[in-house]
Amino acid sequence: MEPDGSERVVQRSNTSLMVHRLPEIIAFLSLFTTLEAGDVIATGTPGGVGLGRKPPEFLRPGQLLVSAIEGLGELRNPIAAEAD
């Protein structure tokens, strides 16, 4: 969400487009670690990442980053300036 309250979608994808399916990833990780409730598995980012844009786009203080999973909900993170 922009500081003026408007929303702009910059990345949209679906797990069906991943190279490795989620059950495969979980099975592989389970070979060498015990997964527990609340564990997060970072798998990367879909196309449209800000660094690859021309010109590059980065999150700015005052913006709101919303990450949503259909049928599950969304995570809303306000962007703040780094402390000095």
C-alpha atoms as a PDB file:
ATOM      1  CA  MET A   1       0.000   0.000   0.000  1.00  0.00           C
ATOM      2  CA  GLU A   2       1.259   3.447  -0.891  1.00  0.00           C
ATOM      3  CA  PRO A   3       1.496   6.306   1.643  1.00  0.00           C
ATOM      4  CA  ASP A   4      -1.605   7.862   0.039  1.00  0.00           C
ATOM      5  CA  GLY A   5      -3.616   4.692   0.806  1.00  0.00           C
ATOM      6  CA  SER A   6      -3.666   3.363  -2.746  1.00  0.00           C
ATOM      7  CA  GLU A   7      -2.690  -0.230  -3.472  1.00  0.00           C
ATOM      8  CA  ARG A   8      -0.454  -1.510  -6.249  1.00  0.00           C
ATOM      9  CA  VAL A   9       0.258  -5.181  -6.948  1.00  0.00           C
ATOM     10  CA  VAL A  10       3.893  -5.640  -7.964  1.00  0.00           C
ATOM     11  CA  GLN A  11       4.223  -9.428  -7.676  1.00  0.00           C
ATOM     12  CA  ARG A  12       1.598 -12.132  -8.111  1.00  0.00           C
ATOM     13  CA  SER A  13       2.231 -15.819  -8.526  1.00  0.00           C
ATOM     14  CA  ASN A  14       1.090 -19.279  -7.535  1.00  0.00           C
ATOM     15  CA  THR A  15       2.833 -22.285  -5.994  1.00  0.00           C
ATOM     16  CA  SER A  16       1.875 -24.290  -9.097  1.00  0.00           C
ATOM     17  CA  LEU A  17       4.594 -22.344 -10.950  1.00  0.00           C
ATOM     18  CA  MET A  18       7.398 -23.418  -8.601  1.00  0.00           C
ATOM     19  CA  VAL A  19      10.156 -25.662  -9.993  1.00  0.00           C
ATOM     20  CA  HIS A  20       9.854 -28.069  -7.026  1.00  0.00           C
ATOM     21  CA  ARG A  21       6.464 -28.824  -5.494  1.00  0.00           C
ATOM     22  CA  LEU A  22       5.879 -28.168  -1.800  1.00  0.00           C
ATOM     23  CA  PRO A  23       5.608 -31.878  -0.833  1.00  0.00           C
ATOM     24  CA  GLU A  24       9.009 -32.486  -2.489  1.00  0.00           C
ATOM     25  CA  ILE A  25      10.570 -29.567  -0.619  1.00  0.00           C
ATOM     26  CA  ILE A  26       9.164 -30.753   2.710  1.00  0.00           C
ATOM     27  CA  ALA A  27      10.318 -34.332   2.069  1.00  0.00           C
ATOM     28  CA  PHE A  28      13.825 -33.165   1.164  1.00  0.00           C
ATOM     29  CA  LEU A  29      14.166 -30.918   4.230  1.00  0.00           C
ATOM     30  CA  SER A  30      12.849 -33.721   6.442  1.00  0.00           C
ATOM     31  CA  LEU A  31      15.840 -35.853   5.442  1.00  0.00           C
ATOM     32  CA  PHE A  32      18.188 -33.754   7.581  1.00  0.00           C
ATOM     33  CA  THR A  33      16.052 -31.701   9.962  1.00  0.00           C
ATOM     34  CA  THR A  34      12.924 -32.035  12.049  1.00  0.00           C
ATOM     35  CA  LEU A  35      10.257 -29.620  10.894  1.00  0.00           C
ATOM     36  CA  GLU A  36       8.007 -28.265  13.613  1.00  0.00           C
ATOM     37  CA  ALA A  37       4.843 -26.197  13.720  1.00  0.00           C
ATOM     38  CA  GLY A  38       5.676 -22.581  12.955  1.00  0.00           C
ATOM     39  CA  ASP A  39       8.786 -23.332  10.891  1.00  0.00           C
ATOM     40  CA  VAL A  40       9.147 -21.146   7.810  1.00  0.00           C
ATOM     41  CA  ILE A  41      10.546 -22.540   4.579  1.00  0.00           C
ATOM     42  CA  ALA A  42      11.912 -19.740   2.390  1.00  0.00           C
ATOM     43  CA  THR A  43      11.647 -20.743  -1.263  1.00  0.00           C
ATOM     44  CA  GLY A  44      12.498 -17.496  -3.046  1.00  0.00           C
ATOM     45  CA  THR A  45      10.437 -14.877  -4.794  1.00  0.00           C
ATOM     46  CA  PRO A  46       8.305 -14.817  -7.933  1.00  0.00           C
ATOM     47  CA  GLY A  47       9.168 -12.681 -10.942  1.00  0.00           C
ATOM     48  CA  GLY A  48       8.796  -8.939 -10.585  1.00  0.00           C
ATOM     49  CA  VAL A  49      11.360  -8.358  -7.831  1.00  0.00           C
ATOM     50  CA  GLY A  50      12.166  -4.646  -7.443  1.00  0.00           C
ATOM     51  CA  LEU A  51      15.905  -4.882  -8.124  1.00  0.00           C
ATOM     52  CA  GLY A  52      15.237  -6.298 -11.584  1.00  0.00           C
ATOM     53  CA  ARG A  53      12.918  -3.459 -12.614  1.00  0.00           C
ATOM     54  CA  LYS A  54      14.064  -0.563 -14.771  1.00  0.00           C
ATOM     55  CA  PRO A  55      14.518   1.671 -12.893  1.00  0.00           C
ATOM     56  CA  PRO A  56      14.877  -0.474  -9.747  1.00  0.00           C
ATOM     57  CA  GLU A  57      12.108  -0.080  -7.157  1.00  0.00           C
ATOM     58  CA  PHE A  58      12.638  -0.504  -3.430  1.00  0.00           C
ATOM     59  CA  LEU A  59      10.268  -0.347  -0.472  1.00  0.00           C
ATOM     60  CA  ARG A  60      10.071   3.097   1.144  1.00  0.00           C
ATOM     61  CA  PRO A  61       9.089   4.245   4.634  1.00  0.00           C
ATOM     62  CA  GLY A  62       5.332   4.739   4.847  1.00  0.00           C
ATOM     63  CA  GLN A  63       4.495   1.908   2.454  1.00  0.00           C
ATOM     64  CA  LEU A  64       2.696  -1.226   3.592  1.00  0.00           C
ATOM     65  CA  LEU A  65       3.884  -4.628   2.355  1.00  0.00           C
ATOM     66  CA  VAL A  66       1.004  -7.093   2.166  1.00  0.00           C
ATOM     67  CA  SER A  67       1.740 -10.789   1.573  1.00  0.00           C
ATOM     68  CA  ALA A  68      -1.381 -12.871   1.022  1.00  0.00           C
ATOM     69  CA  ILE A  69      -2.086 -16.565   0.668  1.00  0.00           C
ATOM     70  CA  GLU A  70      -5.474 -17.399  -0.793  1.00  0.00           C
ATOM     71  CA  GLY A  71      -7.634 -19.253   1.705  1.00  0.00           C
ATOM     72  CA  LEU A  72      -5.203 -18.595   4.557  1.00  0.00           C
ATOM     73  CA  GLY A  73      -4.960 -14.859   5.092  1.00  0.00           C
ATOM     74  CA  GLU A  74      -2.462 -12.058   4.806  1.00  0.00           C
ATOM     75  CA  LEU A  75       0.569 -10.662   6.585  1.00  0.00           C
ATOM     76  CA  ARG A  76       0.775  -6.843   6.694  1.00  0.00           C
ATOM     77  CA  ASN A  77       4.141  -5.195   7.394  1.00  0.00           C
ATOM     78  CA  PRO A  78       4.497  -1.399   7.573  1.00  0.00           C
ATOM     79  CA  ILE A  79       7.807  -0.153   6.154  1.00  0.00           C
ATOM     80  CA  ALA A  80       9.749   2.131   8.495  1.00  0.00           C
ATOM     81  CA  ALA A  81      13.024   3.995   8.097  1.00  0.00           C
ATOM     82  CA  GLU A  82      16.151   2.421   9.590  1.00  0.00           C
ATOM     83  CA  ALA A  83      17.089   3.727  13.009  1.00  0.00           C
ATOM     84  CA  ASP A  84      20.284   5.811  13.063  1.00  0.00           C
END
